[in-house]
Amino acid sequence: MTGVTVRWGVIGPGRIAGKVVGDLPLVPGAELAAVASRTSKERAEAFAAEHGAARAYGSYEEIIADPDVDVLYIATPHPQHRAAALAGLAAGKALLVEKAFTVSTEATQEIVDAAGKAGVFVMEAMWTRFQPAIVRMRELIADGAIGEVTAVQADLGISAPTDPLDRYHNPVLGGGALYDVGVYPISFAQMVLGAPDTITATGLLAPSGVDLEESVLLGYADGRSAVLHASIRAGLPGQARVFGTRGWIDVPPRFHHPSRIVLNRADAEPETIDAPATGGGYFHELIEVTEGVAAGRAESTVMPLADTVAVQHVLDEVARQIGLVPQEGPATL
């Protein structure tokens, strides 16, 4: 990447975007070039001043048209990803799209198809897969450290605001547990086990129609399984465990950005493996995108688009079974 600068633009300068771009200065060859907010140019200007972006825009159209932006980080509410992503791809921009990628398989597939036509790098911002501890876990599994994998357990929950006017209770903004926290255990299970053959879910809806929590059982034709739980009405440990025929791996809280794992094998003492993240933990996904864009790749091998689609299928079916009706955003800005 010597001599190559990948210029980043941010769509949606909110709390998560601030955390993510906080790690951007650590990434060789990455530069924060611009930021856009369609609700308030002043908000974009404040974000640009705080994080060192050269330009601030009061519309998404302006940042998408900026010839000095190579990749867009889309950090708007989930239902708004679709329009920004499709517009960015039409302009030839690479994309890092915050999880959950969208709130419907239809929209996710639409973006994936557009990415294929555009031939530019596109990835879901599932930072878990890039955490050094998770990378090490996957290496151990691949090396047969716990034998044949048989099952996964994972949970993640927060005590979200109960104010019915809060965005967590707003279906238009993708509120609820499934797309904010449920996507993490589901994506973790898909990463380890692949796409399930059966999906069984039960959950609880709020008066606004968003989901407060759900339990999910993923089944596989060969007998493997995943037991998952997500909630925004109660804090949960946020731990994960991968079982095998010769042991198991614990991923201590919070499993979606762990600093260590514990390898448990028969007739051996538990082995703690420390693998802390760099910066705030977002560095690892940012360098994946930056290097991918610089190299002209179309997607990540760690977080491929096929996995994003597979996870979205599970999210869709969970939503259907618990009575959640996601409100996907339009396809155009």
Protein backbone atom coordinates (compact mmCIF):
# COMPACT_ATOMS: atom_id res chain seq x y z
CA MET A 1 0.00 0.00 0.00
CA THR A 2 3.04 2.28 -0.21
CA GLY A 3 1.99 5.60 -1.71
CA VAL A 4 -1.71 4.67 -1.88
CA THR A 5 -4.19 6.78 0.07
CA VAL A 6 -7.75 5.53 0.50
CA ARG A 7 -10.04 8.47 1.18
CA TRP A 8 -12.99 7.79 3.46
CA GLY A 9 -16.34 9.52 3.69
CA VAL A 10 -18.89 9.10 6.48
CA ILE A 11 -22.64 9.08 5.95
CA GLY A 12 -24.44 9.48 9.27
CA PRO A 13 -22.16 11.21 11.81
CA GLY A 14 -23.64 9.67 14.94
CA ARG A 15 -22.23 7.99 18.04
CA ILE A 16 -21.13 4.76 16.37
CA ALA A 17 -19.51 6.63 13.48
CA GLY A 18 -17.50 8.67 15.95
CA LYS A 19 -16.21 5.52 17.63
CA VAL A 20 -15.33 3.84 14.34
CA VAL A 21 -13.46 6.73 12.72
CA GLY A 22 -11.62 7.25 15.98
CA ASP A 23 -9.50 4.29 14.88
CA LEU A 24 -8.98 5.53 11.31
CA PRO A 25 -5.74 7.43 12.09
CA LEU A 26 -4.21 4.07 13.11
CA VAL A 27 -4.78 2.59 9.64
CA PRO A 28 -1.88 3.04 7.20
CA GLY A 29 -3.01 4.66 3.95
CA ALA A 30 -6.41 5.76 5.29
CA GLU A 31 -7.63 9.34 5.38
CA LEU A 32 -10.93 10.80 6.57
CA ALA A 33 -11.89 13.12 3.72
CA ALA A 34 -15.53 14.07 4.24
CA VAL A 35 -18.67 13.61 6.30
CA ALA A 36 -22.34 14.16 5.48
CA SER A 37 -25.52 14.60 7.49
CA ARG A 38 -28.84 15.25 5.82
CA THR A 39 -30.49 16.39 9.03
CA SER A 40 -28.01 19.12 9.90
CA LYS A 41 -24.95 20.45 8.11
CA GLU A 42 -23.84 21.86 11.46
CA ARG A 43 -23.77 18.33 12.82
CA ALA A 44 -21.54 17.26 9.94
CA GLU A 45 -19.29 20.27 10.50
CA ALA A 46 -18.91 19.47 14.19
CA PHE A 47 -18.03 15.85 13.38
CA ALA A 48 -15.53 16.97 10.73
CA ALA A 49 -13.88 19.36 13.17
CA GLU A 50 -13.63 16.71 15.87
CA HIS A 51 -12.22 13.99 13.62
CA GLY A 52 -10.21 16.01 11.12
CA ALA A 53 -12.30 15.61 7.97
CA ALA A 54 -11.56 18.17 5.26
CA ARG A 55 -15.15 18.64 4.10
CA ALA A 56 -18.63 18.57 5.63
CA TYR A 57 -21.85 18.26 3.64
CA GLY A 58 -25.51 18.84 4.43
CA SER A 59 -26.74 16.11 2.06
CA TYR A 60 -25.80 12.58 1.11
CA GLU A 61 -25.91 13.48 -2.58
CA GLU A 62 -22.98 15.87 -2.11
CA ILE A 63 -20.65 13.39 -0.47
CA ILE A 64 -21.57 10.70 -2.98
CA ALA A 65 -20.70 13.10 -5.81
CA ASP A 66 -17.37 14.05 -4.20
CA PRO A 67 -14.62 12.75 -6.54
CA ASP A 68 -12.13 12.78 -3.66
CA VAL A 69 -13.99 10.11 -1.67
CA ASP A 70 -13.09 6.48 -2.43
CA VAL A 71 -15.09 4.59 0.19
CA LEU A 72 -18.25 5.46 2.11
CA TYR A 73 -18.88 4.29 5.65
CA ILE A 74 -22.67 4.15 6.02
CA ALA A 75 -23.66 4.55 9.67
CA THR A 76 -27.28 5.66 9.39
CA PRO A 77 -30.17 3.69 10.98
CA HIS A 78 -30.54 0.25 9.39
CA PRO A 79 -33.57 1.00 7.16
CA GLN A 80 -31.68 3.92 5.60
CA HIS A 81 -28.69 1.86 4.47
CA ARG A 82 -30.36 0.72 1.27
CA ALA A 83 -30.74 4.09 -0.46
CA ALA A 84 -27.32 5.41 0.53
CA ALA A 85 -25.59 2.17 -0.48
CA LEU A 86 -27.26 1.96 -3.87
CA ALA A 87 -26.55 5.62 -4.60
CA GLY A 88 -22.94 5.18 -3.56
CA LEU A 89 -22.50 2.13 -5.75
CA ALA A 90 -24.05 3.94 -8.72
CA ALA A 91 -21.29 6.55 -8.25
CA GLY A 92 -18.59 3.88 -8.07
CA LYS A 93 -17.88 4.23 -4.36
CA ALA A 94 -16.68 1.33 -2.23
CA LEU A 95 -18.76 0.72 0.90
CA LEU A 96 -18.53 -0.28 4.53
CA VAL A 97 -22.14 -0.70 5.65
CA GLU A 98 -22.91 -0.82 9.36
CA LYS A 99 -24.58 -3.92 10.74
CA ALA A 100 -27.32 -4.95 10.34
CA PHE A 101 -26.70 -4.51 6.62
CA THR A 102 -30.40 -3.80 5.99
CA VAL A 103 -33.69 -4.97 7.52
CA SER A 104 -34.71 -7.22 4.61
CA THR A 105 -33.15 -9.88 2.42
CA GLU A 106 -34.59 -8.08 -0.60
CA ALA A 107 -32.64 -4.90 0.14
CA THR A 108 -29.48 -6.79 1.06
CA GLN A 109 -29.57 -8.78 -2.16
CA GLU A 110 -30.25 -5.61 -4.14
CA ILE A 111 -27.09 -4.03 -2.73
CA VAL A 112 -25.04 -7.19 -3.28
CA ASP A 113 -26.19 -7.37 -6.91
CA ALA A 114 -25.35 -3.70 -7.45
CA ALA A 115 -21.93 -4.26 -5.87
CA GLY A 116 -21.25 -7.06 -8.33
CA LYS A 117 -22.10 -4.80 -11.25
CA ALA A 118 -20.04 -1.91 -9.88
CA GLY A 119 -17.04 -4.12 -9.16
CA VAL A 120 -16.05 -2.22 -6.02
CA PHE A 121 -15.32 -3.37 -2.48
CA VAL A 122 -18.39 -3.76 -0.25
CA MET A 123 -18.47 -5.19 3.28
CA GLU A 124 -20.76 -5.33 6.29
CA ALA A 125 -19.23 -3.71 9.38
CA MET A 126 -19.36 -6.83 11.53
CA TRP A 127 -16.29 -5.96 13.60
CA THR A 128 -16.55 -9.17 15.63
CA ARG A 129 -15.06 -11.27 12.86
CA PHE A 130 -11.92 -9.13 12.78
CA GLN A 131 -11.19 -9.10 16.51
CA PRO A 132 -7.81 -10.81 17.11
CA ALA A 133 -9.36 -13.10 19.74
CA ILE A 134 -12.02 -14.28 17.28
CA VAL A 135 -9.42 -14.74 14.54
CA ARG A 136 -7.47 -16.94 16.95
CA MET A 137 -10.62 -18.86 17.86
CA ARG A 138 -11.31 -19.64 14.22
CA GLU A 139 -7.72 -20.80 13.75
CA LEU A 140 -8.02 -23.19 16.69
CA ILE A 141 -11.30 -24.57 15.37
CA ALA A 142 -9.81 -25.05 11.91
CA ASP A 143 -6.82 -26.84 13.44
CA GLY A 144 -9.12 -29.29 15.23
CA ALA A 145 -8.29 -28.07 18.73
CA ILE A 146 -11.77 -28.98 20.00
CA GLY A 147 -12.49 -31.75 17.51
CA GLU A 148 -15.60 -31.58 15.37
CA VAL A 149 -17.77 -28.56 16.19
CA THR A 150 -21.20 -29.60 17.43
CA ALA A 151 -22.95 -26.51 18.81
CA VAL A 152 -22.82 -22.79 19.57
CA GLN A 153 -24.33 -20.77 22.40
CA ALA A 154 -24.38 -16.97 22.44
CA ASP A 155 -26.32 -14.13 24.05
CA LEU A 156 -26.25 -10.36 23.95
CA GLY A 157 -28.54 -7.92 25.68
CA ILE A 158 -28.73 -4.34 26.91
CA SER A 159 -31.09 -2.38 29.11
CA ALA A 160 -32.23 0.10 26.49
CA PRO A 161 -34.24 3.24 27.30
CA THR A 162 -37.90 2.46 27.95
CA ASP A 163 -39.14 5.82 26.66
CA PRO A 164 -41.53 4.94 23.80
CA LEU A 165 -40.21 7.96 21.88
CA ASP A 166 -36.63 6.64 21.97
CA ARG A 167 -35.23 5.36 18.69
CA TYR A 168 -35.00 1.83 20.15
CA HIS A 169 -38.82 1.80 20.04
CA ASN A 170 -39.14 3.36 16.60
CA PRO A 171 -39.72 0.81 13.81
CA VAL A 172 -38.98 3.43 11.13
CA LEU A 173 -35.45 3.69 12.55
CA GLY A 174 -35.00 -0.07 12.78
CA GLY A 175 -35.57 -0.15 16.53
CA GLY A 176 -35.78 -3.30 18.60
CA ALA A 177 -33.38 -6.05 19.61
CA LEU A 178 -33.00 -8.08 16.44
CA TYR A 179 -31.13 -5.66 14.18
CA ASP A 180 -29.13 -3.94 16.91
CA VAL A 181 -27.97 -6.79 19.14
CA GLY A 182 -29.54 -10.00 17.78
CA VAL A 183 -27.48 -9.75 14.61
CA TYR A 184 -24.33 -10.39 16.66
CA PRO A 185 -25.12 -13.89 18.02
CA ILE A 186 -26.75 -14.84 14.71
CA SER A 187 -23.71 -13.75 12.71
CA PHE A 188 -21.40 -15.48 15.21
CA ALA A 189 -23.30 -18.76 14.77
CA GLN A 190 -23.30 -18.42 10.99
CA MET A 191 -19.55 -17.77 11.05
CA VAL A 192 -18.91 -21.01 12.95
CA LEU A 193 -21.64 -23.31 11.64
CA GLY A 194 -22.73 -21.87 8.29
CA ALA A 195 -26.32 -21.33 7.15
CA PRO A 196 -28.88 -23.33 9.15
CA ASP A 197 -31.40 -25.79 7.78
CA THR A 198 -34.09 -24.90 10.32
CA ILE A 199 -34.88 -21.76 12.31
CA THR A 200 -37.14 -21.62 15.35
CA ALA A 201 -37.76 -18.38 17.21
CA THR A 202 -39.89 -16.95 19.97
CA GLY A 203 -39.92 -13.37 21.17
CA LEU A 204 -41.69 -10.42 22.71
CA LEU A 205 -42.89 -7.28 20.95
CA ALA A 206 -43.34 -3.79 22.40
CA PRO A 207 -46.55 -1.79 21.83
CA SER A 208 -44.75 0.10 19.04
CA GLY A 209 -44.23 -3.17 17.18
CA VAL A 210 -40.47 -3.47 17.70
CA ASP A 211 -39.05 -6.59 19.32
CA LEU A 212 -37.82 -6.42 22.91
CA GLU A 213 -36.15 -9.83 22.90
CA GLU A 214 -35.99 -13.15 21.15
CA SER A 215 -34.62 -16.65 21.59
CA VAL A 216 -33.48 -18.48 18.47
CA LEU A 217 -32.68 -22.12 17.81
CA LEU A 218 -30.78 -22.86 14.62
CA GLY A 219 -30.77 -26.46 13.46
CA TYR A 220 -28.56 -28.30 10.99
CA ALA A 221 -29.27 -31.50 9.11
CA ASP A 222 -26.17 -33.17 10.58
CA GLY A 223 -27.32 -32.55 14.16
CA ARG A 224 -25.38 -29.39 14.96
CA SER A 225 -27.24 -26.51 16.58
CA ALA A 226 -27.04 -22.97 17.90
CA VAL A 227 -28.95 -21.55 20.87
CA LEU A 228 -29.05 -17.75 20.81
CA HIS A 229 -30.69 -14.98 22.81
CA ALA A 230 -30.93 -11.21 22.35
CA SER A 231 -32.65 -8.49 24.34
CA ILE A 232 -33.03 -4.74 24.75
CA ARG A 233 -35.10 -5.02 27.93
CA ALA A 234 -32.42 -6.73 30.03
CA GLY A 235 -28.65 -6.72 30.21
CA LEU A 236 -27.25 -10.16 29.38
CA PRO A 237 -23.74 -11.52 29.98
CA GLY A 238 -22.77 -11.24 26.33
CA GLN A 239 -20.86 -14.49 26.22
CA ALA A 240 -20.43 -17.20 23.61
CA ARG A 241 -19.28 -20.80 23.64
CA VAL A 242 -18.34 -23.15 20.81
CA PHE A 243 -18.65 -26.85 21.63
CA GLY A 244 -16.71 -29.64 19.98
CA THR A 245 -16.29 -33.37 20.32
CA ARG A 246 -12.98 -32.91 22.19
CA GLY A 247 -13.55 -29.70 24.12
CA TRP A 248 -14.95 -26.21 23.88
CA ILE A 249 -13.91 -22.58 23.51
CA ASP A 250 -15.33 -19.89 25.79
CA VAL A 251 -15.55 -16.33 24.50
CA PRO A 252 -15.99 -14.23 27.66
CA PRO A 253 -18.14 -11.11 27.77
CA ARG A 254 -18.58 -9.22 25.64
CA PHE A 255 -18.15 -11.83 22.95
CA HIS A 256 -18.71 -9.43 20.05
CA HIS A 257 -15.44 -7.64 20.87
CA PRO A 258 -13.48 -9.93 23.20
CA SER A 259 -9.91 -9.48 24.37
CA ARG A 260 -9.38 -13.16 25.16
CA ILE A 261 -10.71 -16.66 24.72
CA VAL A 262 -10.42 -19.76 26.88
CA LEU A 263 -9.61 -23.12 25.32
CA ASN A 264 -10.97 -26.10 27.25
CA ARG A 265 -9.82 -29.58 26.26
CA ALA A 266 -10.37 -32.97 27.84
CA ASP A 267 -7.69 -33.94 30.38
CA ALA A 268 -6.04 -30.51 30.19
CA GLU A 269 -6.19 -27.33 32.21
CA PRO A 270 -8.12 -24.44 30.62
CA GLU A 271 -5.83 -22.26 28.51
CA THR A 272 -6.50 -18.54 28.41
CA ILE A 273 -5.37 -16.89 25.20
CA ASP A 274 -5.06 -13.11 25.35
CA ALA A 275 -5.49 -11.26 22.07
CA PRO A 276 -6.47 -7.63 22.66
CA ALA A 277 -7.71 -5.42 19.87
CA THR A 278 -5.89 -2.40 18.50
CA GLY A 279 -7.38 1.00 19.31
CA GLY A 280 -11.07 0.86 20.04
CA GLY A 281 -11.40 -2.44 18.19
CA TYR A 282 -12.59 -0.96 14.89
CA PHE A 283 -9.06 -0.76 13.49
CA HIS A 284 -9.22 -4.35 12.27
CA GLU A 285 -12.28 -3.96 10.04
CA LEU A 286 -11.05 -0.58 8.82
CA ILE A 287 -7.72 -1.97 7.67
CA GLU A 288 -9.56 -4.83 5.93
CA VAL A 289 -11.55 -2.34 3.88
CA THR A 290 -8.68 0.06 3.28
CA GLU A 291 -6.39 -2.68 2.02
CA GLY A 292 -9.18 -4.23 -0.02
CA VAL A 293 -10.00 -0.95 -1.74
CA ALA A 294 -6.32 -0.21 -2.38
CA ALA A 295 -5.83 -3.66 -3.88
CA GLY A 296 -8.94 -3.48 -6.06
CA ARG A 297 -10.67 -6.41 -4.39
CA ALA A 298 -14.47 -6.73 -4.55
CA GLU A 299 -15.10 -8.10 -1.05
CA SER A 300 -13.59 -9.50 2.12
CA THR A 301 -12.76 -13.16 2.59
CA VAL A 302 -13.35 -12.74 6.34
CA MET A 303 -16.78 -11.11 6.01
CA PRO A 304 -17.93 -12.10 2.50
CA LEU A 305 -21.20 -10.81 1.12
CA ALA A 306 -22.58 -14.35 0.92
CA ASP A 307 -22.37 -14.52 4.72
CA THR A 308 -24.18 -11.19 5.04
CA VAL A 309 -26.98 -12.55 2.84
CA ALA A 310 -27.13 -15.78 4.84
CA VAL A 311 -27.42 -13.87 8.12
CA GLN A 312 -30.12 -11.64 6.65
CA HIS A 313 -32.16 -14.73 5.73
CA VAL A 314 -32.07 -15.79 9.38
CA LEU A 315 -33.03 -12.30 10.56
CA ASP A 316 -35.97 -12.30 8.17
CA GLU A 317 -37.26 -15.64 9.39
CA VAL A 318 -36.86 -14.72 13.05
CA ALA A 319 -38.79 -11.51 12.41
CA ARG A 320 -41.56 -13.45 10.64
CA GLN A 321 -41.91 -15.99 13.43
CA ILE A 322 -42.09 -13.46 16.27
CA GLY A 323 -44.45 -11.13 14.39
CA LEU A 324 -41.96 -8.33 13.81
CA VAL A 325 -42.65 -6.34 10.64
CA PRO A 326 -39.47 -4.46 9.65
CA GLN A 327 -39.93 -1.17 7.84
CA GLU A 328 -37.32 -1.20 5.10
CA GLY A 329 -36.39 2.16 3.70
CA PRO A 330 -36.73 3.26 0.06
CA ALA A 331 -34.24 2.38 -2.66
CA THR A 332 -33.54 6.01 -3.55
CA LEU A 333 -32.38 9.01 -1.57
